[in-house]
Amino acid sequence: MAEIILGVALILFYKNRLLIYFSALNLAALLIFTLIFIPQILVEAFNPVTTNIPLIVLSFVLLQQTPRQQTRLTGSGECNVHRSSME
């Protein structure tokens, strides 16, 4: 159920860098869990290695495409959001 919620959140908020990092971290954690506790499923057709590693790589590709936003306070106390020049 949590994976479905995370997937829907990524569809809706795909530009949220924190959510992308969270997704990649969860995929890596699931892969490590499987390697340690259920290694026998690693030889099956659609195993966690063939599914999680490509999704982790795609997460980092999405991170490269998602602009970083920096928050800067102005002298008047306003909060302005500026795109990074690293696009």
PDB file of N, CA and C in Angstrom:
ATOM      1  N   MET A   1       0.820  -1.195   0.000  1.00  0.00           N
ATOM      2  CA  MET A   1       0.000   0.000   0.000  1.00  0.00           C
ATOM      3  C   MET A   1       0.867   1.263   0.000  1.00  0.00           C
ATOM      4  N   ALA A   2       1.955   1.249   0.768  1.00  0.00           N
ATOM      5  CA  ALA A   2       2.832   2.421   0.836  1.00  0.00           C
ATOM      6  C   ALA A   2       3.485   2.687  -0.516  1.00  0.00           C
ATOM      7  N   GLU A   3       3.810   1.629  -1.256  1.00  0.00           N
ATOM      8  CA  GLU A   3       4.415   1.811  -2.579  1.00  0.00           C
ATOM      9  C   GLU A   3       3.429   2.467  -3.539  1.00  0.00           C
ATOM     10  N   ILE A   4       2.158   2.135  -3.428  1.00  0.00           N
ATOM     11  CA  ILE A   4       1.133   2.742  -4.284  1.00  0.00           C
ATOM     12  C   ILE A   4       0.999   4.225  -3.963  1.00  0.00           C
ATOM     13  N   ILE A   5       0.985   4.556  -2.681  1.00  0.00           N
ATOM     14  CA  ILE A   5       0.878   5.964  -2.267  1.00  0.00           C
ATOM     15  C   ILE A   5       2.091   6.745  -2.751  1.00  0.00           C
ATOM     16  N   LEU A   6       3.281   6.165  -2.611  1.00  0.00           N
ATOM     17  CA  LEU A   6       4.498   6.831  -3.082  1.00  0.00           C
ATOM     18  C   LEU A   6       4.460   7.008  -4.597  1.00  0.00           C
ATOM     19  N   GLY A   7       3.987   6.010  -5.317  1.00  0.00           N
ATOM     20  CA  GLY A   7       3.880   6.111  -6.774  1.00  0.00           C
ATOM     21  C   GLY A   7       2.920   7.203  -7.210  1.00  0.00           C
ATOM     22  N   VAL A   8       1.769   7.290  -6.553  1.00  0.00           N
ATOM     23  CA  VAL A   8       0.790   8.332  -6.883  1.00  0.00           C
ATOM     24  C   VAL A   8       1.366   9.712  -6.540  1.00  0.00           C
ATOM     25  N   ALA A   9       2.055   9.801  -5.405  1.00  0.00           N
ATOM     26  CA  ALA A   9       2.672  11.075  -5.019  1.00  0.00           C
ATOM     27  C   ALA A   9       3.725  11.490  -6.042  1.00  0.00           C
ATOM     28  N   LEU A  10       4.501  10.534  -6.564  1.00  0.00           N
ATOM     29  CA  LEU A  10       5.499  10.865  -7.580  1.00  0.00           C
ATOM     30  C   LEU A  10       4.856  11.306  -8.890  1.00  0.00           C
ATOM     31  N   ILE A  11       3.723  10.724  -9.225  1.00  0.00           N
ATOM     32  CA  ILE A  11       3.014  11.146 -10.438  1.00  0.00           C
ATOM     33  C   ILE A  11       2.523  12.582 -10.284  1.00  0.00           C
ATOM     34  N   LEU A  12       1.990  12.893  -9.116  1.00  0.00           N
ATOM     35  CA  LEU A  12       1.429  14.226  -8.895  1.00  0.00           C
ATOM     36  C   LEU A  12       2.498  15.288  -8.639  1.00  0.00           C
ATOM     37  N   PHE A  13       3.556  14.917  -7.928  1.00  0.00           N
ATOM     38  CA  PHE A  13       4.572  15.884  -7.513  1.00  0.00           C
ATOM     39  C   PHE A  13       5.947  15.478  -8.031  1.00  0.00           C
ATOM     40  N   TYR A  14       6.053  15.202  -9.311  1.00  0.00           N
ATOM     41  CA  TYR A  14       7.285  14.669  -9.883  1.00  0.00           C
ATOM     42  C   TYR A  14       8.438  15.664  -9.870  1.00  0.00           C
ATOM     43  N   LYS A  15       8.182  16.926  -9.617  1.00  0.00           N
ATOM     44  CA  LYS A  15       9.255  17.914  -9.559  1.00  0.00           C
ATOM     45  C   LYS A  15       9.783  18.119  -8.140  1.00  0.00           C
ATOM     46  N   ASN A  16       9.250  17.408  -7.188  1.00  0.00           N
ATOM     47  CA  ASN A  16       9.679  17.539  -5.799  1.00  0.00           C
ATOM     48  C   ASN A  16      10.936  16.696  -5.585  1.00  0.00           C
ATOM     49  N   ARG A  17      12.079  17.360  -5.446  1.00  0.00           N
ATOM     50  CA  ARG A  17      13.362  16.666  -5.333  1.00  0.00           C
ATOM     51  C   ARG A  17      13.428  15.790  -4.083  1.00  0.00           C
ATOM     52  N   LEU A  18      12.869  16.250  -2.984  1.00  0.00           N
ATOM     53  CA  LEU A  18      12.888  15.467  -1.753  1.00  0.00           C
ATOM     54  C   LEU A  18      12.125  14.158  -1.931  1.00  0.00           C
ATOM     55  N   LEU A  19      11.012  14.206  -2.617  1.00  0.00           N
ATOM     56  CA  LEU A  19      10.221  13.006  -2.876  1.00  0.00           C
ATOM     57  C   LEU A  19      10.972  12.035  -3.791  1.00  0.00           C
ATOM     58  N   ILE A  20      11.708  12.554  -4.751  1.00  0.00           N
ATOM     59  CA  ILE A  20      12.497  11.704  -5.645  1.00  0.00           C
ATOM     60  C   ILE A  20      13.614  11.015  -4.872  1.00  0.00           C
ATOM     61  N   TYR A  21      14.311  11.789  -4.016  1.00  0.00           N
ATOM     62  CA  TYR A  21      15.353  11.187  -3.173  1.00  0.00           C
ATOM     63  C   TYR A  21      14.765  10.112  -2.261  1.00  0.00           C
ATOM     64  N   PHE A  22      13.603  10.400  -1.682  1.00  0.00           N
ATOM     65  CA  PHE A  22      12.943   9.446  -0.792  1.00  0.00           C
ATOM     66  C   PHE A  22      12.597   8.155  -1.535  1.00  0.00           C
ATOM     67  N   SER A  23      12.116   8.289  -2.757  1.00  0.00           N
ATOM     68  CA  SER A  23      11.771   7.128  -3.563  1.00  0.00           C
ATOM     69  C   SER A  23      13.007   6.287  -3.880  1.00  0.00           C
ATOM     70  N   ALA A  24      14.089   6.932  -4.304  1.00  0.00           N
ATOM     71  CA  ALA A  24      15.321   6.209  -4.625  1.00  0.00           C
ATOM     72  C   ALA A  24      15.885   5.524  -3.388  1.00  0.00           C
ATOM     73  N   LEU A  25      15.830   6.197  -2.254  1.00  0.00           N
ATOM     74  CA  LEU A  25      16.317   5.612  -1.004  1.00  0.00           C
ATOM     75  C   LEU A  25      15.482   4.395  -0.610  1.00  0.00           C
ATOM     76  N   ASN A  26      14.184   4.481  -0.768  1.00  0.00           N
ATOM     77  CA  ASN A  26      13.317   3.336  -0.461  1.00  0.00           C
ATOM     78  C   ASN A  26      13.590   2.159  -1.390  1.00  0.00           C
ATOM     79  N   LEU A  27      13.790   2.421  -2.663  1.00  0.00           N
ATOM     80  CA  LEU A  27      14.099   1.344  -3.604  1.00  0.00           C
ATOM     81  C   LEU A  27      15.424   0.670  -3.244  1.00  0.00           C
ATOM     82  N   ALA A  28      16.415   1.472  -2.868  1.00  0.00           N
ATOM     83  CA  ALA A  28      17.704   0.902  -2.460  1.00  0.00           C
ATOM     84  C   ALA A  28      17.558   0.082  -1.184  1.00  0.00           C
ATOM     85  N   ALA A  29      16.772   0.582  -0.237  1.00  0.00           N
ATOM     86  CA  ALA A  29      16.544  -0.150   1.020  1.00  0.00           C
ATOM     87  C   ALA A  29      15.831  -1.477   0.764  1.00  0.00           C
ATOM     88  N   LEU A  30      14.846  -1.473  -0.116  1.00  0.00           N
ATOM     89  CA  LEU A  30      14.144  -2.717  -0.450  1.00  0.00           C
ATOM     90  C   LEU A  30      15.079  -3.715  -1.118  1.00  0.00           C
ATOM     91  N   LEU A  31      15.958  -3.222  -1.968  1.00  0.00           N
ATOM     92  CA  LEU A  31      16.925  -4.094  -2.636  1.00  0.00           C
ATOM     93  C   LEU A  31      17.889  -4.713  -1.623  1.00  0.00           C
ATOM     94  N   ILE A  32      18.394  -3.909  -0.703  1.00  0.00           N
ATOM     95  CA  ILE A  32      19.303  -4.422   0.327  1.00  0.00           C
ATOM     96  C   ILE A  32      18.589  -5.416   1.230  1.00  0.00           C
ATOM     97  N   PHE A  33      17.350  -5.106   1.597  1.00  0.00           N
ATOM     98  CA  PHE A  33      16.561  -6.031   2.417  1.00  0.00           C
ATOM     99  C   PHE A  33      16.428  -7.381   1.720  1.00  0.00           C
ATOM    100  N   THR A  34      16.132  -7.338   0.435  1.00  0.00           N
ATOM    101  CA  THR A  34      15.980  -8.579  -0.329  1.00  0.00           C
ATOM    102  C   THR A  34      17.299  -9.341  -0.417  1.00  0.00           C
ATOM    103  N   LEU A  35      18.387  -8.629  -0.642  1.00  0.00           N
ATOM    104  CA  LEU A  35      19.693  -9.284  -0.715  1.00  0.00           C
ATOM    105  C   LEU A  35      20.041 -10.007   0.583  1.00  0.00           C
ATOM    106  N   ILE A  36      19.654  -9.415   1.699  1.00  0.00           N
ATOM    107  CA  ILE A  36      19.996  -9.997   3.002  1.00  0.00           C
ATOM    108  C   ILE A  36      19.031 -11.098   3.412  1.00  0.00           C
ATOM    109  N   PHE A  37      17.742 -10.849   3.306  1.00  0.00           N
ATOM    110  CA  PHE A  37      16.751 -11.749   3.896  1.00  0.00           C
ATOM    111  C   PHE A  37      16.092 -12.724   2.928  1.00  0.00           C
ATOM    112  N   ILE A  38      16.022 -12.404   1.646  1.00  0.00           N
ATOM    113  CA  ILE A  38      15.349 -13.287   0.688  1.00  0.00           C
ATOM    114  C   ILE A  38      16.205 -13.433  -0.570  1.00  0.00           C
ATOM    115  N   PRO A  39      17.437 -13.877  -0.465  1.00  0.00           N
ATOM    116  CA  PRO A  39      18.313 -13.915  -1.648  1.00  0.00           C
ATOM    117  C   PRO A  39      17.875 -14.913  -2.714  1.00  0.00           C
ATOM    118  N   GLN A  40      17.050 -15.887  -2.365  1.00  0.00           N
ATOM    119  CA  GLN A  40      16.646 -16.888  -3.343  1.00  0.00           C
ATOM    120  C   GLN A  40      15.776 -16.322  -4.459  1.00  0.00           C
ATOM    121  N   ILE A  41      15.125 -15.175  -4.253  1.00  0.00           N
ATOM    122  CA  ILE A  41      14.294 -14.623  -5.336  1.00  0.00           C
ATOM    123  C   ILE A  41      15.110 -13.812  -6.339  1.00  0.00           C
ATOM    124  N   LEU A  42      16.393 -13.654  -6.095  1.00  0.00           N
ATOM    125  CA  LEU A  42      17.228 -12.876  -7.012  1.00  0.00           C
ATOM    126  C   LEU A  42      17.493 -13.588  -8.335  1.00  0.00           C
ATOM    127  N   VAL A  43      17.169 -14.873  -8.422  1.00  0.00           N
ATOM    128  CA  VAL A  43      17.381 -15.617  -9.660  1.00  0.00           C
ATOM    129  C   VAL A  43      16.113 -15.729 -10.490  1.00  0.00           C
ATOM    130  N   GLU A  44      15.014 -15.180  -9.993  1.00  0.00           N
ATOM    131  CA  GLU A  44      13.754 -15.233 -10.738  1.00  0.00           C
ATOM    132  C   GLU A  44      13.737 -14.164 -11.830  1.00  0.00           C
ATOM    133  N   ALA A  45      12.753 -14.253 -12.719  1.00  0.00           N
ATOM    134  CA  ALA A  45      12.717 -13.403 -13.912  1.00  0.00           C
ATOM    135  C   ALA A  45      12.660 -11.911 -13.579  1.00  0.00           C
ATOM    136  N   PHE A  46      11.661 -11.465 -12.866  1.00  0.00           N
ATOM    137  CA  PHE A  46      11.518 -10.043 -12.533  1.00  0.00           C
ATOM    138  C   PHE A  46      11.907  -9.857 -11.077  1.00  0.00           C
ATOM    139  N   ASN A  47      13.191  -9.939 -10.828  1.00  0.00           N
ATOM    140  CA  ASN A  47      13.683  -9.858  -9.463  1.00  0.00           C
ATOM    141  C   ASN A  47      13.971  -8.406  -9.087  1.00  0.00           C
ATOM    142  N   PRO A  48      14.221  -8.147  -7.813  1.00  0.00           N
ATOM    143  CA  PRO A  48      14.457  -6.770  -7.375  1.00  0.00           C
ATOM    144  C   PRO A  48      15.658  -6.093  -8.042  1.00  0.00           C
ATOM    145  N   VAL A  49      16.631  -6.872  -8.464  1.00  0.00           N
ATOM    146  CA  VAL A  49      17.785  -6.264  -9.128  1.00  0.00           C
ATOM    147  C   VAL A  49      17.371  -5.699 -10.481  1.00  0.00           C
ATOM    148  N   THR A  50      16.605  -6.461 -11.249  1.00  0.00           N
ATOM    149  CA  THR A  50      16.216  -6.014 -12.589  1.00  0.00           C
ATOM    150  C   THR A  50      15.110  -4.965 -12.568  1.00  0.00           C
ATOM    151  N   THR A  51      14.452  -4.789 -11.437  1.00  0.00           N
ATOM    152  CA  THR A  51      13.406  -3.770 -11.357  1.00  0.00           C
ATOM    153  C   THR A  51      13.842  -2.546 -10.565  1.00  0.00           C
ATOM    154  N   ASN A  52      14.514  -2.726  -9.438  1.00  0.00           N
ATOM    155  CA  ASN A  52      14.850  -1.590  -8.584  1.00  0.00           C
ATOM    156  C   ASN A  52      16.017  -0.766  -9.110  1.00  0.00           C
ATOM    157  N   ILE A  53      17.056  -1.413  -9.611  1.00  0.00           N
ATOM    158  CA  ILE A  53      18.221  -0.656 -10.081  1.00  0.00           C
ATOM    159  C   ILE A  53      17.865   0.266 -11.246  1.00  0.00           C
ATOM    160  N   PRO A  54      17.128  -0.182 -12.261  1.00  0.00           N
ATOM    161  CA  PRO A  54      16.732   0.774 -13.309  1.00  0.00           C
ATOM    162  C   PRO A  54      15.873   1.926 -12.782  1.00  0.00           C
ATOM    163  N   LEU A  55      15.012   1.664 -11.810  1.00  0.00           N
ATOM    164  CA  LEU A  55      14.191   2.741 -11.250  1.00  0.00           C
ATOM    165  C   LEU A  55      15.022   3.717 -10.428  1.00  0.00           C
ATOM    166  N   ILE A  56      16.042   3.218  -9.742  1.00  0.00           N
ATOM    167  CA  ILE A  56      16.946   4.106  -9.012  1.00  0.00           C
ATOM    168  C   ILE A  56      17.699   4.998 -10.000  1.00  0.00           C
ATOM    169  N   VAL A  57      18.172   4.412 -11.087  1.00  0.00           N
ATOM    170  CA  VAL A  57      18.878   5.189 -12.116  1.00  0.00           C
ATOM    171  C   VAL A  57      17.936   6.226 -12.726  1.00  0.00           C
ATOM    172  N   LEU A  58      16.705   5.843 -13.010  1.00  0.00           N
ATOM    173  CA  LEU A  58      15.737   6.799 -13.562  1.00  0.00           C
ATOM    174  C   LEU A  58      15.424   7.914 -12.569  1.00  0.00           C
ATOM    175  N   SER A  59      15.450   7.602 -11.289  1.00  0.00           N
ATOM    176  CA  SER A  59      15.246   8.641 -10.269  1.00  0.00           C
ATOM    177  C   SER A  59      16.341   9.687 -10.347  1.00  0.00           C
ATOM    178  N   PHE A  60      17.586   9.239 -10.516  1.00  0.00           N
ATOM    179  CA  PHE A  60      18.685  10.196 -10.613  1.00  0.00           C
ATOM    180  C   PHE A  60      18.664  10.957 -11.937  1.00  0.00           C
ATOM    181  N   VAL A  61      18.170  10.341 -12.989  1.00  0.00           N
ATOM    182  CA  VAL A  61      17.981  11.069 -14.253  1.00  0.00           C
ATOM    183  C   VAL A  61      16.935  12.162 -14.055  1.00  0.00           C
ATOM    184  N   LEU A  62      15.841  11.835 -13.374  1.00  0.00           N
ATOM    185  CA  LEU A  62      14.802  12.825 -13.087  1.00  0.00           C
ATOM    186  C   LEU A  62      15.352  13.948 -12.217  1.00  0.00           C
ATOM    187  N   LEU A  63      16.207  13.611 -11.258  1.00  0.00           N
ATOM    188  CA  LEU A  63      16.821  14.647 -10.430  1.00  0.00           C
ATOM    189  C   LEU A  63      17.670  15.601 -11.269  1.00  0.00           C
ATOM    190  N   GLN A  64      18.356  15.067 -12.278  1.00  0.00           N
ATOM    191  CA  GLN A  64      19.160  15.913 -13.152  1.00  0.00           C
ATOM    192  C   GLN A  64      18.281  16.854 -13.981  1.00  0.00           C
ATOM    193  N   GLN A  65      17.063  16.433 -14.287  1.00  0.00           N
ATOM    194  CA  GLN A  65      16.154  17.230 -15.108  1.00  0.00           C
ATOM    195  C   GLN A  65      15.316  18.203 -14.288  1.00  0.00           C
ATOM    196  N   THR A  66      15.259  17.993 -12.972  1.00  0.00           N
ATOM    197  CA  THR A  66      14.432  18.821 -12.102  1.00  0.00           C
ATOM    198  C   THR A  66      15.266  19.975 -11.572  1.00  0.00           C
ATOM    199  N   PRO A  67      14.849  21.210 -11.838  1.00  0.00           N
ATOM    200  CA  PRO A  67      15.653  22.353 -11.393  1.00  0.00           C
ATOM    201  C   PRO A  67      15.634  22.486  -9.872  1.00  0.00           C
ATOM    202  N   ARG A  68      16.782  22.892  -9.346  1.00  0.00           N
ATOM    203  CA  ARG A  68      16.876  23.179  -7.914  1.00  0.00           C
ATOM    204  C   ARG A  68      16.308  24.557  -7.687  1.00  0.00           C
ATOM    205  N   GLN A  69      15.612  24.698  -6.581  1.00  0.00           N
ATOM    206  CA  GLN A  69      15.090  26.012  -6.235  1.00  0.00           C
ATOM    207  C   GLN A  69      15.751  26.456  -4.942  1.00  0.00           C
ATOM    208  N   GLN A  70      16.186  27.692  -4.927  1.00  0.00           N
ATOM    209  CA  GLN A  70      16.810  28.249  -3.747  1.00  0.00           C
ATOM    210  C   GLN A  70      15.889  29.293  -3.156  1.00  0.00           C
ATOM    211  N   THR A  71      15.787  29.292  -1.848  1.00  0.00           N
ATOM    212  CA  THR A  71      14.964  30.274  -1.162  1.00  0.00           C
ATOM    213  C   THR A  71      15.889  31.344  -0.600  1.00  0.00           C
ATOM    214  N   ARG A  72      15.549  32.592  -0.857  1.00  0.00           N
ATOM    215  CA  ARG A  72      16.378  33.692  -0.386  1.00  0.00           C
ATOM    216  C   ARG A  72      15.476  34.748   0.236  1.00  0.00           C
ATOM    217  N   LEU A  73      15.839  35.198   1.428  1.00  0.00           N
ATOM    218  CA  LEU A  73      15.102  36.273   2.072  1.00  0.00           C
ATOM    219  C   LEU A  73      15.627  37.603   1.575  1.00  0.00           C
ATOM    220  N   THR A  74      14.707  38.498   1.226  1.00  0.00           N
ATOM    221  CA  THR A  74      15.117  39.830   0.804  1.00  0.00           C
ATOM    222  C   THR A  74      15.185  40.727   2.026  1.00  0.00           C
ATOM    223  N   GLY A  75      15.684  41.916   1.837  1.00  0.00           N
ATOM    224  CA  GLY A  75      15.812  42.857   2.948  1.00  0.00           C
ATOM    225  C   GLY A  75      14.479  43.235   3.564  1.00  0.00           C
ATOM    226  N   SER A  76      13.401  43.154   2.789  1.00  0.00           N
ATOM    227  CA  SER A  76      12.094  43.537   3.312  1.00  0.00           C
ATOM    228  C   SER A  76      11.404  42.411   4.052  1.00  0.00           C
ATOM    229  N   GLY A  77      12.071  41.260   4.177  1.00  0.00           N
ATOM    230  CA  GLY A  77      11.478  40.142   4.885  1.00  0.00           C
ATOM    231  C   GLY A  77      10.694  39.209   3.986  1.00  0.00           C
ATOM    232  N   GLU A  78      10.607  39.552   2.695  1.00  0.00           N
ATOM    233  CA  GLU A  78       9.905  38.680   1.758  1.00  0.00           C
ATOM    234  C   GLU A  78      10.757  37.466   1.447  1.00  0.00           C
ATOM    235  N   CYS A  79      10.114  36.427   1.040  1.00  0.00           N
ATOM    236  CA  CYS A  79      10.829  35.200   0.680  1.00  0.00           C
ATOM    237  C   CYS A  79      10.661  34.984  -0.816  1.00  0.00           C
ATOM    238  N   ASN A  80      11.755  35.061  -1.553  1.00  0.00           N
ATOM    239  CA  ASN A  80      11.725  34.857  -2.999  1.00  0.00           C
ATOM    240  C   ASN A  80      12.343  33.519  -3.336  1.00  0.00           C
ATOM    241  N   VAL A  81      11.775  32.845  -4.321  1.00  0.00           N
ATOM    242  CA  VAL A  81      12.313  31.574  -4.782  1.00  0.00           C
ATOM    243  C   VAL A  81      12.951  31.809  -6.144  1.00  0.00           C
ATOM    244  N   HIS A  82      14.225  31.435  -6.265  1.00  0.00           N
ATOM    245  CA  HIS A  82      14.963  31.610  -7.506  1.00  0.00           C
ATOM    246  C   HIS A  82      15.441  30.271  -8.013  1.00  0.00           C
ATOM    247  N   ARG A  83      15.411  30.112  -9.313  1.00  0.00           N
ATOM    248  CA  ARG A  83      15.971  28.907  -9.913  1.00  0.00           C
ATOM    249  C   ARG A  83      17.484  28.981  -9.872  1.00  0.00           C
ATOM    250  N   SER A  84      18.084  27.839  -9.684  1.00  0.00           N
ATOM    251  CA  SER A  84      19.539  27.780  -9.670  1.00  0.00           C
ATOM    252  C   SER A  84      20.072  27.990 -11.070  1.00  0.00           C
ATOM    253  N   SER A  85      21.277  28.491 -11.159  1.00  0.00           N
ATOM    254  CA  SER A  85      21.884  28.687 -12.470  1.00  0.00           C
ATOM    255  C   SER A  85      22.508  27.404 -12.995  1.00  0.00           C
ATOM    256  N   MET A  86      22.343  26.283 -12.283  1.00  0.00           N
ATOM    257  CA  MET A  86      22.929  25.005 -12.670  1.00  0.00           C
ATOM    258  C   MET A  86      21.973  24.165 -13.502  1.00  0.00           C
ATOM    259  N   GLU A  87      21.221  24.795 -14.380  1.00  0.00           N
ATOM    260  CA  GLU A  87      20.255  24.051 -15.199  1.00  0.00           C
ATOM    261  C   GLU A  87      20.883  23.541 -16.445  1.00  0.00           C
TER     262      GLU A  87
END
